[in-house]
Amino acid sequence: MSNTTTFPNSQQDVALLKQTAIDAVNDLGSTAAVHASKAKGQLKDLAGHVQEEGSEQLDQFRGKLSTFVGTGRDFVAANPLGCIAAAVTVGFILGLVRRGSRA
């Protein structure tokens, strides 16, 4: 009689254990989903921030490049003969260097 009463108890214990495991998996799944959703939101925020920073730095670079090109144009306009002489000198030197590398 002892075996017949312990067997149903064991089945009940197994059923309770099974239900506990199912509940634990469900809790883990919902917790993981919450954390995944938070991480997704944080990654979106980070991507937006990186895009804003990159856009700002690109705009700054464009401004500096525009200023540099403008300064170069102003210099050439103010000193055209000096710039022509410098260009001829650089060309002559490059020609000598290239000729020397062939010999």
PDB file of N, CA and C in Angstrom:
ATOM      1  N   MET A   1       0.826  -1.178   0.000  1.00  0.00           N
ATOM      2  CA  MET A   1       0.000   0.000   0.000  1.00  0.00           C
ATOM      3  C   MET A   1       0.871   1.243   0.000  1.00  0.00           C
ATOM      4  N   SER A   2       2.023   1.133   0.571  1.00  0.00           N
ATOM      5  CA  SER A   2       2.938   2.255   0.639  1.00  0.00           C
ATOM      6  C   SER A   2       3.408   2.661  -0.746  1.00  0.00           C
ATOM      7  N   ASN A   3       3.632   1.691  -1.648  1.00  0.00           N
ATOM      8  CA  ASN A   3       4.071   1.978  -3.006  1.00  0.00           C
ATOM      9  C   ASN A   3       2.991   2.678  -3.810  1.00  0.00           C
ATOM     10  N   THR A   4       1.741   2.335  -3.617  1.00  0.00           N
ATOM     11  CA  THR A   4       0.659   2.940  -4.388  1.00  0.00           C
ATOM     12  C   THR A   4       0.406   4.369  -3.964  1.00  0.00           C
ATOM     13  N   THR A   5       0.636   4.694  -2.718  1.00  0.00           N
ATOM     14  CA  THR A   5       0.419   6.070  -2.272  1.00  0.00           C
ATOM     15  C   THR A   5       1.604   6.952  -2.633  1.00  0.00           C
ATOM     16  N   THR A   6       2.807   6.415  -2.693  1.00  0.00           N
ATOM     17  CA  THR A   6       3.964   7.247  -3.026  1.00  0.00           C
ATOM     18  C   THR A   6       4.050   7.518  -4.519  1.00  0.00           C
ATOM     19  N   PHE A   7       3.547   6.582  -5.332  1.00  0.00           N
ATOM     20  CA  PHE A   7       3.608   6.792  -6.770  1.00  0.00           C
ATOM     21  C   PHE A   7       2.770   7.997  -7.217  1.00  0.00           C
ATOM     22  N   PRO A   8       1.524   8.130  -6.777  1.00  0.00           N
ATOM     23  CA  PRO A   8       0.774   9.345  -7.140  1.00  0.00           C
ATOM     24  C   PRO A   8       1.437  10.614  -6.595  1.00  0.00           C
ATOM     25  N   ASN A   9       2.021  10.507  -5.412  1.00  0.00           N
ATOM     26  CA  ASN A   9       2.721  11.671  -4.867  1.00  0.00           C
ATOM     27  C   ASN A   9       3.915  12.034  -5.744  1.00  0.00           C
ATOM     28  N   SER A  10       4.629  11.021  -6.213  1.00  0.00           N
ATOM     29  CA  SER A  10       5.773  11.271  -7.094  1.00  0.00           C
ATOM     30  C   SER A  10       5.311  11.894  -8.405  1.00  0.00           C
ATOM     31  N   GLN A  11       4.186  11.417  -8.950  1.00  0.00           N
ATOM     32  CA  GLN A  11       3.646  12.000 -10.180  1.00  0.00           C
ATOM     33  C   GLN A  11       3.271  13.467  -9.946  1.00  0.00           C
ATOM     34  N   GLN A  12       2.692  13.709  -8.796  1.00  0.00           N
ATOM     35  CA  GLN A  12       2.298  15.088  -8.473  1.00  0.00           C
ATOM     36  C   GLN A  12       3.546  15.960  -8.318  1.00  0.00           C
ATOM     37  N   ASP A  13       4.588  15.433  -7.696  1.00  0.00           N
ATOM     38  CA  ASP A  13       5.833  16.185  -7.545  1.00  0.00           C
ATOM     39  C   ASP A  13       6.457  16.477  -8.908  1.00  0.00           C
ATOM     40  N   VAL A  14       6.431  15.486  -9.803  1.00  0.00           N
ATOM     41  CA  VAL A  14       6.977  15.681 -11.146  1.00  0.00           C
ATOM     42  C   VAL A  14       6.159  16.729 -11.896  1.00  0.00           C
ATOM     43  N   ALA A  15       4.860  16.674 -11.751  1.00  0.00           N
ATOM     44  CA  ALA A  15       3.988  17.652 -12.417  1.00  0.00           C
ATOM     45  C   ALA A  15       4.263  19.059 -11.876  1.00  0.00           C
ATOM     46  N   LEU A  16       4.430  19.168 -10.565  1.00  0.00           N
ATOM     47  CA  LEU A  16       4.750  20.476  -9.969  1.00  0.00           C
ATOM     48  C   LEU A  16       6.120  20.964 -10.440  1.00  0.00           C
ATOM     49  N   LEU A  17       7.074  20.058 -10.500  1.00  0.00           N
ATOM     50  CA  LEU A  17       8.414  20.408 -10.975  1.00  0.00           C
ATOM     51  C   LEU A  17       8.360  20.863 -12.431  1.00  0.00           C
ATOM     52  N   LYS A  18       7.576  20.157 -13.230  1.00  0.00           N
ATOM     53  CA  LYS A  18       7.416  20.524 -14.639  1.00  0.00           C
ATOM     54  C   LYS A  18       6.797  21.918 -14.757  1.00  0.00           C
ATOM     55  N   GLN A  19       5.763  22.176 -13.981  1.00  0.00           N
ATOM     56  CA  GLN A  19       5.110  23.482 -14.024  1.00  0.00           C
ATOM     57  C   GLN A  19       6.061  24.586 -13.540  1.00  0.00           C
ATOM     58  N   THR A  20       6.865  24.312 -12.545  1.00  0.00           N
ATOM     59  CA  THR A  20       7.850  25.279 -12.057  1.00  0.00           C
ATOM     60  C   THR A  20       8.868  25.592 -13.150  1.00  0.00           C
ATOM     61  N   ALA A  21       9.311  24.556 -13.854  1.00  0.00           N
ATOM     62  CA  ALA A  21      10.266  24.769 -14.948  1.00  0.00           C
ATOM     63  C   ALA A  21       9.628  25.589 -16.066  1.00  0.00           C
ATOM     64  N   ILE A  22       8.384  25.304 -16.409  1.00  0.00           N
ATOM     65  CA  ILE A  22       7.676  26.066 -17.452  1.00  0.00           C
ATOM     66  C   ILE A  22       7.527  27.520 -17.037  1.00  0.00           C
ATOM     67  N   ASP A  23       7.151  27.749 -15.781  1.00  0.00           N
ATOM     68  CA  ASP A  23       7.016  29.114 -15.279  1.00  0.00           C
ATOM     69  C   ASP A  23       8.355  29.853 -15.318  1.00  0.00           C
ATOM     70  N   ALA A  24       9.433  29.157 -14.961  1.00  0.00           N
ATOM     71  CA  ALA A  24      10.764  29.777 -14.971  1.00  0.00           C
ATOM     72  C   ALA A  24      11.167  30.157 -16.395  1.00  0.00           C
ATOM     73  N   VAL A  25      10.905  29.277 -17.343  1.00  0.00           N
ATOM     74  CA  VAL A  25      11.235  29.567 -18.748  1.00  0.00           C
ATOM     75  C   VAL A  25      10.415  30.753 -19.247  1.00  0.00           C
ATOM     76  N   ASN A  26       9.137  30.779 -18.899  1.00  0.00           N
ATOM     77  CA  ASN A  26       8.287  31.912 -19.313  1.00  0.00           C
ATOM     78  C   ASN A  26       8.779  33.227 -18.713  1.00  0.00           C
ATOM     79  N   ASP A  27       9.173  33.186 -17.446  1.00  0.00           N
ATOM     80  CA  ASP A  27       9.702  34.386 -16.797  1.00  0.00           C
ATOM     81  C   ASP A  27      10.999  34.837 -17.467  1.00  0.00           C
ATOM     82  N   LEU A  28      11.876  33.886 -17.768  1.00  0.00           N
ATOM     83  CA  LEU A  28      13.130  34.225 -18.444  1.00  0.00           C
ATOM     84  C   LEU A  28      12.864  34.807 -19.824  1.00  0.00           C
ATOM     85  N   GLY A  29      11.903  34.220 -20.529  1.00  0.00           N
ATOM     86  CA  GLY A  29      11.565  34.719 -21.860  1.00  0.00           C
ATOM     87  C   GLY A  29      11.041  36.134 -21.819  1.00  0.00           C
ATOM     88  N   SER A  30      10.174  36.420 -20.888  1.00  0.00           N
ATOM     89  CA  SER A  30       9.629  37.777 -20.813  1.00  0.00           C
ATOM     90  C   SER A  30      10.695  38.763 -20.347  1.00  0.00           C
ATOM     91  N   THR A  31      11.556  38.331 -19.425  1.00  0.00           N
ATOM     92  CA  THR A  31      12.642  39.197 -18.969  1.00  0.00           C
ATOM     93  C   THR A  31      13.619  39.466 -20.100  1.00  0.00           C
ATOM     94  N   ALA A  32      13.956  38.437 -20.868  1.00  0.00           N
ATOM     95  CA  ALA A  32      14.860  38.607 -22.007  1.00  0.00           C
ATOM     96  C   ALA A  32      14.246  39.542 -23.036  1.00  0.00           C
ATOM     97  N   ALA A  33      12.949  39.430 -23.273  1.00  0.00           N
ATOM     98  CA  ALA A  33      12.283  40.304 -24.245  1.00  0.00           C
ATOM     99  C   ALA A  33      12.333  41.759 -23.788  1.00  0.00           C
ATOM    100  N   VAL A  34      12.142  41.985 -22.500  1.00  0.00           N
ATOM    101  CA  VAL A  34      12.203  43.348 -21.968  1.00  0.00           C
ATOM    102  C   VAL A  34      13.604  43.921 -22.143  1.00  0.00           C
ATOM    103  N   HIS A  35      14.617  43.132 -21.799  1.00  0.00           N
ATOM    104  CA  HIS A  35      16.001  43.596 -21.924  1.00  0.00           C
ATOM    105  C   HIS A  35      16.389  43.802 -23.387  1.00  0.00           C
ATOM    106  N   ALA A  36      15.917  42.931 -24.253  1.00  0.00           N
ATOM    107  CA  ALA A  36      16.210  43.080 -25.688  1.00  0.00           C
ATOM    108  C   ALA A  36      15.562  44.357 -26.224  1.00  0.00           C
ATOM    109  N   SER A  37      14.370  44.635 -25.778  1.00  0.00           N
ATOM    110  CA  SER A  37      13.687  45.856 -26.211  1.00  0.00           C
ATOM    111  C   SER A  37      14.423  47.104 -25.723  1.00  0.00           C
ATOM    112  N   LYS A  38      14.888  47.074 -24.480  1.00  0.00           N
ATOM    113  CA  LYS A  38      15.661  48.195 -23.946  1.00  0.00           C
ATOM    114  C   LYS A  38      16.960  48.381 -24.730  1.00  0.00           C
ATOM    115  N   ALA A  39      17.638  47.273 -25.001  1.00  0.00           N
ATOM    116  CA  ALA A  39      18.897  47.347 -25.750  1.00  0.00           C
ATOM    117  C   ALA A  39      18.653  47.886 -27.147  1.00  0.00           C
ATOM    118  N   LYS A  40      17.581  47.474 -27.773  1.00  0.00           N
ATOM    119  CA  LYS A  40      17.249  47.962 -29.119  1.00  0.00           C
ATOM    120  C   LYS A  40      17.024  49.471 -29.090  1.00  0.00           C
ATOM    121  N   GLY A  41      16.314  49.944 -28.095  1.00  0.00           N
ATOM    122  CA  GLY A  41      16.083  51.379 -27.963  1.00  0.00           C
ATOM    123  C   GLY A  41      17.378  52.145 -27.728  1.00  0.00           C
ATOM    124  N   GLN A  42      18.242  51.587 -26.883  1.00  0.00           N
ATOM    125  CA  GLN A  42      19.518  52.246 -26.606  1.00  0.00           C
ATOM    126  C   GLN A  42      20.403  52.268 -27.842  1.00  0.00           C
ATOM    127  N   LEU A  43      20.397  51.201 -28.633  1.00  0.00           N
ATOM    128  CA  LEU A  43      21.178  51.176 -29.866  1.00  0.00           C
ATOM    129  C   LEU A  43      20.654  52.191 -30.879  1.00  0.00           C
ATOM    130  N   LYS A  44      19.342  52.339 -30.946  1.00  0.00           N
ATOM    131  CA  LYS A  44      18.762  53.343 -31.845  1.00  0.00           C
ATOM    132  C   LYS A  44      19.186  54.740 -31.408  1.00  0.00           C
ATOM    133  N   ASP A  45      19.152  54.991 -30.094  1.00  0.00           N
ATOM    134  CA  ASP A  45      19.574  56.290 -29.581  1.00  0.00           C
ATOM    135  C   ASP A  45      21.041  56.543 -29.887  1.00  0.00           C
ATOM    136  N   LEU A  46      21.864  55.525 -29.699  1.00  0.00           N
ATOM    137  CA  LEU A  46      23.291  55.656 -29.968  1.00  0.00           C
ATOM    138  C   LEU A  46      23.544  55.913 -31.452  1.00  0.00           C
ATOM    139  N   ALA A  47      22.850  55.198 -32.306  1.00  0.00           N
ATOM    140  CA  ALA A  47      23.013  55.397 -33.747  1.00  0.00           C
ATOM    141  C   ALA A  47      22.607  56.817 -34.142  1.00  0.00           C
ATOM    142  N   GLY A  48      21.526  57.310 -33.564  1.00  0.00           N
ATOM    143  CA  GLY A  48      21.098  58.676 -33.848  1.00  0.00           C
ATOM    144  C   GLY A  48      22.121  59.695 -33.384  1.00  0.00           C
ATOM    145  N   HIS A  49      22.694  59.452 -32.214  1.00  0.00           N
ATOM    146  CA  HIS A  49      23.706  60.361 -31.669  1.00  0.00           C
ATOM    147  C   HIS A  49      24.954  60.360 -32.545  1.00  0.00           C
ATOM    148  N   VAL A  50      25.384  59.173 -32.957  1.00  0.00           N
ATOM    149  CA  VAL A  50      26.570  59.068 -33.814  1.00  0.00           C
ATOM    150  C   VAL A  50      26.322  59.775 -35.143  1.00  0.00           C
ATOM    151  N   GLN A  51      25.126  59.614 -35.688  1.00  0.00           N
ATOM    152  CA  GLN A  51      24.789  60.264 -36.953  1.00  0.00           C
ATOM    153  C   GLN A  51      24.793  61.789 -36.796  1.00  0.00           C
ATOM    154  N   GLU A  52      24.259  62.277 -35.690  1.00  0.00           N
ATOM    155  CA  GLU A  52      24.255  63.725 -35.448  1.00  0.00           C
ATOM    156  C   GLU A  52      25.678  64.256 -35.316  1.00  0.00           C
ATOM    157  N   GLU A  53      26.507  63.544 -34.529  1.00  0.00           N
ATOM    158  CA  GLU A  53      27.897  63.969 -34.338  1.00  0.00           C
ATOM    159  C   GLU A  53      28.652  63.955 -35.667  1.00  0.00           C
ATOM    160  N   GLY A  54      28.461  62.897 -36.437  1.00  0.00           N
ATOM    161  CA  GLY A  54      29.133  62.798 -37.727  1.00  0.00           C
ATOM    162  C   GLY A  54      28.692  63.904 -38.661  1.00  0.00           C
ATOM    163  N   SER A  55      27.415  64.216 -38.641  1.00  0.00           N
ATOM    164  CA  SER A  55      26.893  65.276 -39.493  1.00  0.00           C
ATOM    165  C   SER A  55      27.468  66.630 -39.088  1.00  0.00           C
ATOM    166  N   GLU A  56      27.555  66.866 -37.785  1.00  0.00           N
ATOM    167  CA  GLU A  56      28.123  68.129 -37.300  1.00  0.00           C
ATOM    168  C   GLU A  56      29.595  68.251 -37.680  1.00  0.00           C
ATOM    169  N   GLN A  57      30.346  67.169 -37.521  1.00  0.00           N
ATOM    170  CA  GLN A  57      31.771  67.211 -37.860  1.00  0.00           C
ATOM    171  C   GLN A  57      31.968  67.364 -39.358  1.00  0.00           C
ATOM    172  N   LEU A  58      31.113  66.741 -40.158  1.00  0.00           N
ATOM    173  CA  LEU A  58      31.200  66.893 -41.607  1.00  0.00           C
ATOM    174  C   LEU A  58      30.923  68.341 -42.004  1.00  0.00           C
ATOM    175  N   ASP A  59      29.940  68.945 -41.379  1.00  0.00           N
ATOM    176  CA  ASP A  59      29.639  70.351 -41.654  1.00  0.00           C
ATOM    177  C   ASP A  59      30.813  71.253 -41.266  1.00  0.00           C
ATOM    178  N   GLN A  60      31.437  70.959 -40.119  1.00  0.00           N
ATOM    179  CA  GLN A  60      32.601  71.743 -39.694  1.00  0.00           C
ATOM    180  C   GLN A  60      33.744  71.585 -40.688  1.00  0.00           C
ATOM    181  N   PHE A  61      33.981  70.354 -41.146  1.00  0.00           N
ATOM    182  CA  PHE A  61      35.048  70.099 -42.114  1.00  0.00           C
ATOM    183  C   PHE A  61      34.762  70.834 -43.422  1.00  0.00           C
ATOM    184  N   ARG A  62      33.537  70.792 -43.881  1.00  0.00           N
ATOM    185  CA  ARG A  62      33.178  71.498 -45.112  1.00  0.00           C
ATOM    186  C   ARG A  62      33.421  72.998 -44.960  1.00  0.00           C
ATOM    187  N   GLY A  63      33.070  73.529 -43.805  1.00  0.00           N
ATOM    188  CA  GLY A  63      33.298  74.957 -43.560  1.00  0.00           C
ATOM    189  C   GLY A  63      34.773  75.303 -43.576  1.00  0.00           C
ATOM    190  N   LYS A  64      35.586  74.471 -42.919  1.00  0.00           N
ATOM    191  CA  LYS A  64      37.035  74.722 -42.891  1.00  0.00           C
ATOM    192  C   LYS A  64      37.639  74.576 -44.284  1.00  0.00           C
ATOM    193  N   LEU A  65      37.194  73.587 -45.042  1.00  0.00           N
ATOM    194  CA  LEU A  65      37.693  73.386 -46.399  1.00  0.00           C
ATOM    195  C   LEU A  65      37.310  74.563 -47.287  1.00  0.00           C
ATOM    196  N   SER A  66      36.104  75.032 -47.140  1.00  0.00           N
ATOM    197  CA  SER A  66      35.648  76.193 -47.908  1.00  0.00           C
ATOM    198  C   SER A  66      36.483  77.427 -47.562  1.00  0.00           C
ATOM    199  N   THR A  67      36.781  77.606 -46.287  1.00  0.00           N
ATOM    200  CA  THR A  67      37.613  78.724 -45.854  1.00  0.00           C
ATOM    201  C   THR A  67      39.023  78.593 -46.428  1.00  0.00           C
ATOM    202  N   PHE A  68      39.581  77.384 -46.404  1.00  0.00           N
ATOM    203  CA  PHE A  68      40.918  77.142 -46.933  1.00  0.00           C
ATOM    204  C   PHE A  68      40.976  77.428 -48.431  1.00  0.00           C
ATOM    205  N   VAL A  69      39.986  76.943 -49.168  1.00  0.00           N
ATOM    206  CA  VAL A  69      39.945  77.178 -50.614  1.00  0.00           C
ATOM    207  C   VAL A  69      39.780  78.668 -50.902  1.00  0.00           C
ATOM    208  N   GLY A  70      38.944  79.316 -50.136  1.00  0.00           N
ATOM    209  CA  GLY A  70      38.756  80.766 -50.316  1.00  0.00           C
ATOM    210  C   GLY A  70      40.033  81.538 -50.041  1.00  0.00           C
ATOM    211  N   THR A  71      40.753  81.148 -48.998  1.00  0.00           N
ATOM    212  CA  THR A  71      42.024  81.797 -48.677  1.00  0.00           C
ATOM    213  C   THR A  71      43.039  81.575 -49.797  1.00  0.00           C
ATOM    214  N   GLY A  72      43.074  80.364 -50.339  1.00  0.00           N
ATOM    215  CA  GLY A  72      43.972  80.073 -51.463  1.00  0.00           C
ATOM    216  C   GLY A  72      43.637  80.916 -52.680  1.00  0.00           C
ATOM    217  N   ARG A  73      42.381  81.033 -52.981  1.00  0.00           N
ATOM    218  CA  ARG A  73      41.952  81.860 -54.125  1.00  0.00           C
ATOM    219  C   ARG A  73      42.328  83.327 -53.901  1.00  0.00           C
ATOM    220  N   ASP A  74      42.118  83.792 -52.695  1.00  0.00           N
ATOM    221  CA  ASP A  74      42.471  85.189 -52.399  1.00  0.00           C
ATOM    222  C   ASP A  74      43.969  85.414 -52.558  1.00  0.00           C
ATOM    223  N   PHE A  75      44.771  84.460 -52.100  1.00  0.00           N
ATOM    224  CA  PHE A  75      46.224  84.581 -52.206  1.00  0.00           C
ATOM    225  C   PHE A  75      46.658  84.603 -53.671  1.00  0.00           C
ATOM    226  N   VAL A  76      46.098  83.702 -54.465  1.00  0.00           N
ATOM    227  CA  VAL A  76      46.448  83.656 -55.894  1.00  0.00           C
ATOM    228  C   VAL A  76      46.015  84.941 -56.586  1.00  0.00           C
ATOM    229  N   ALA A  77      44.841  85.450 -56.235  1.00  0.00           N
ATOM    230  CA  ALA A  77      44.367  86.698 -56.846  1.00  0.00           C
ATOM    231  C   ALA A  77      45.268  87.874 -56.476  1.00  0.00           C
ATOM    232  N   ALA A  78      45.801  87.867 -55.253  1.00  0.00           N
ATOM    233  CA  ALA A  78      46.651  88.967 -54.802  1.00  0.00           C
ATOM    234  C   ALA A  78      48.082  88.831 -55.318  1.00  0.00           C
ATOM    235  N   ASN A  79      48.555  87.619 -55.602  1.00  0.00           N
ATOM    236  CA  ASN A  79      49.937  87.369 -56.026  1.00  0.00           C
ATOM    237  C   ASN A  79      49.989  86.453 -57.253  1.00  0.00           C
ATOM    238  N   PRO A  80      49.449  86.857 -58.378  1.00  0.00           N
ATOM    239  CA  PRO A  80      49.415  85.941 -59.520  1.00  0.00           C
ATOM    240  C   PRO A  80      50.808  85.614 -60.068  1.00  0.00           C
ATOM    241  N   LEU A  81      51.687  86.566 -60.159  1.00  0.00           N
ATOM    242  CA  LEU A  81      53.019  86.300 -60.711  1.00  0.00           C
ATOM    243  C   LEU A  81      53.832  85.407 -59.786  1.00  0.00           C
ATOM    244  N   GLY A  82      53.736  85.625 -58.502  1.00  0.00           N
ATOM    245  CA  GLY A  82      54.447  84.781 -57.536  1.00  0.00           C
ATOM    246  C   GLY A  82      53.953  83.349 -57.598  1.00  0.00           C
ATOM    247  N   CYS A  83      52.654  83.159 -57.767  1.00  0.00           N
ATOM    248  CA  CYS A  83      52.095  81.801 -57.851  1.00  0.00           C
ATOM    249  C   CYS A  83      52.524  81.112 -59.144  1.00  0.00           C
ATOM    250  N   ILE A  84      52.568  81.866 -60.226  1.00  0.00           N
ATOM    251  CA  ILE A  84      53.027  81.284 -61.498  1.00  0.00           C
ATOM    252  C   ILE A  84      54.490  80.882 -61.366  1.00  0.00           C
ATOM    253  N   ALA A  85      55.303  81.745 -60.772  1.00  0.00           N
ATOM    254  CA  ALA A  85      56.727  81.432 -60.590  1.00  0.00           C
ATOM    255  C   ALA A  85      56.887  80.195 -59.705  1.00  0.00           C
ATOM    256  N   ALA A  86      56.100  80.083 -58.644  1.00  0.00           N
ATOM    257  CA  ALA A  86      56.174  78.920 -57.762  1.00  0.00           C
ATOM    258  C   ALA A  86      55.762  77.657 -58.511  1.00  0.00           C
ATOM    259  N   ALA A  87      54.713  77.736 -59.322  1.00  0.00           N
ATOM    260  CA  ALA A  87      54.256  76.572 -60.074  1.00  0.00           C
ATOM    261  C   ALA A  87      55.311  76.124 -61.085  1.00  0.00           C
ATOM    262  N   VAL A  88      55.954  77.095 -61.774  1.00  0.00           N
ATOM    263  CA  VAL A  88      56.997  76.758 -62.741  1.00  0.00           C
ATOM    264  C   VAL A  88      58.185  76.117 -62.022  1.00  0.00           C
ATOM    265  N   THR A  89      58.552  76.647 -60.866  1.00  0.00           N
ATOM    266  CA  THR A  89      59.673  76.098 -60.101  1.00  0.00           C
ATOM    267  C   THR A  89      59.381  74.669 -59.651  1.00  0.00           C
ATOM    268  N   VAL A  90      58.194  74.449 -59.117  1.00  0.00           N
ATOM    269  CA  VAL A  90      57.819  73.100 -58.665  1.00  0.00           C
ATOM    270  C   VAL A  90      57.809  72.145 -59.855  1.00  0.00           C
ATOM    271  N   GLY A  91      57.278  72.568 -60.988  1.00  0.00           N
ATOM    272  CA  GLY A  91      57.268  71.734 -62.184  1.00  0.00           C
ATOM    273  C   GLY A  91      58.672  71.401 -62.660  1.00  0.00           C
ATOM    274  N   PHE A  92      59.564  72.400 -62.635  1.00  0.00           N
ATOM    275  CA  PHE A  92      60.942  72.184 -63.048  1.00  0.00           C
ATOM    276  C   PHE A  92      61.628  71.169 -62.131  1.00  0.00           C
ATOM    277  N   ILE A  93      61.439  71.319 -60.831  1.00  0.00           N
ATOM    278  CA  ILE A  93      62.055  70.399 -59.865  1.00  0.00           C
ATOM    279  C   ILE A  93      61.505  68.983 -60.048  1.00  0.00           C
ATOM    280  N   LEU A  94      60.188  68.857 -60.231  1.00  0.00           N
ATOM    281  CA  LEU A  94      59.604  67.531 -60.446  1.00  0.00           C
ATOM    282  C   LEU A  94      60.129  66.904 -61.740  1.00  0.00           C
ATOM    283  N   GLY A  95      60.322  67.728 -62.774  1.00  0.00           N
ATOM    284  CA  GLY A  95      60.889  67.230 -64.022  1.00  0.00           C
ATOM    285  C   GLY A  95      62.302  66.719 -63.825  1.00  0.00           C
ATOM    286  N   LEU A  96      63.114  67.446 -63.048  1.00  0.00           N
ATOM    287  CA  LEU A  96      64.476  66.988 -62.773  1.00  0.00           C
ATOM    288  C   LEU A  96      64.488  65.686 -61.980  1.00  0.00           C
ATOM    289  N   VAL A  97      63.623  65.598 -61.019  1.00  0.00           N
ATOM    290  CA  VAL A  97      63.545  64.393 -60.193  1.00  0.00           C
ATOM    291  C   VAL A  97      63.118  63.206 -61.057  1.00  0.00           C
ATOM    292  N   ARG A  98      62.155  63.424 -61.903  1.00  0.00           N
ATOM    293  CA  ARG A  98      61.668  62.332 -62.751  1.00  0.00           C
ATOM    294  C   ARG A  98      62.743  61.921 -63.760  1.00  0.00           C
ATOM    295  N   ARG A  99      63.432  62.882 -64.320  1.00  0.00           N
ATOM    296  CA  ARG A  99      64.522  62.589 -65.270  1.00  0.00           C
ATOM    297  C   ARG A  99      65.641  61.818 -64.558  1.00  0.00           C
ATOM    298  N   GLY A 100      65.941  62.215 -63.333  1.00  0.00           N
ATOM    299  CA  GLY A 100      66.999  61.552 -62.577  1.00  0.00           C
ATOM    300  C   GLY A 100      66.654  60.122 -62.221  1.00  0.00           C
ATOM    301  N   SER A 101      65.369  59.824 -62.013  1.00  0.00           N
ATOM    302  CA  SER A 101      64.978  58.459 -61.662  1.00  0.00           C
ATOM    303  C   SER A 101      65.031  57.529 -62.865  1.00  0.00           C
ATOM    304  N   ARG A 102      65.005  58.065 -64.087  1.00  0.00           N
ATOM    305  CA  ARG A 102      65.080  57.248 -65.305  1.00  0.00           C
ATOM    306  C   ARG A 102      66.527  56.871 -65.614  1.00  0.00           C
ATOM    307  N   ALA A 103      67.475  57.707 -65.221  1.00  0.00           N
ATOM    308  CA  ALA A 103      68.872  57.468 -65.581  1.00  0.00           C
ATOM    309  C   ALA A 103      69.505  56.374 -64.791  1.00  0.00           C
TER     310      ALA A 103
END
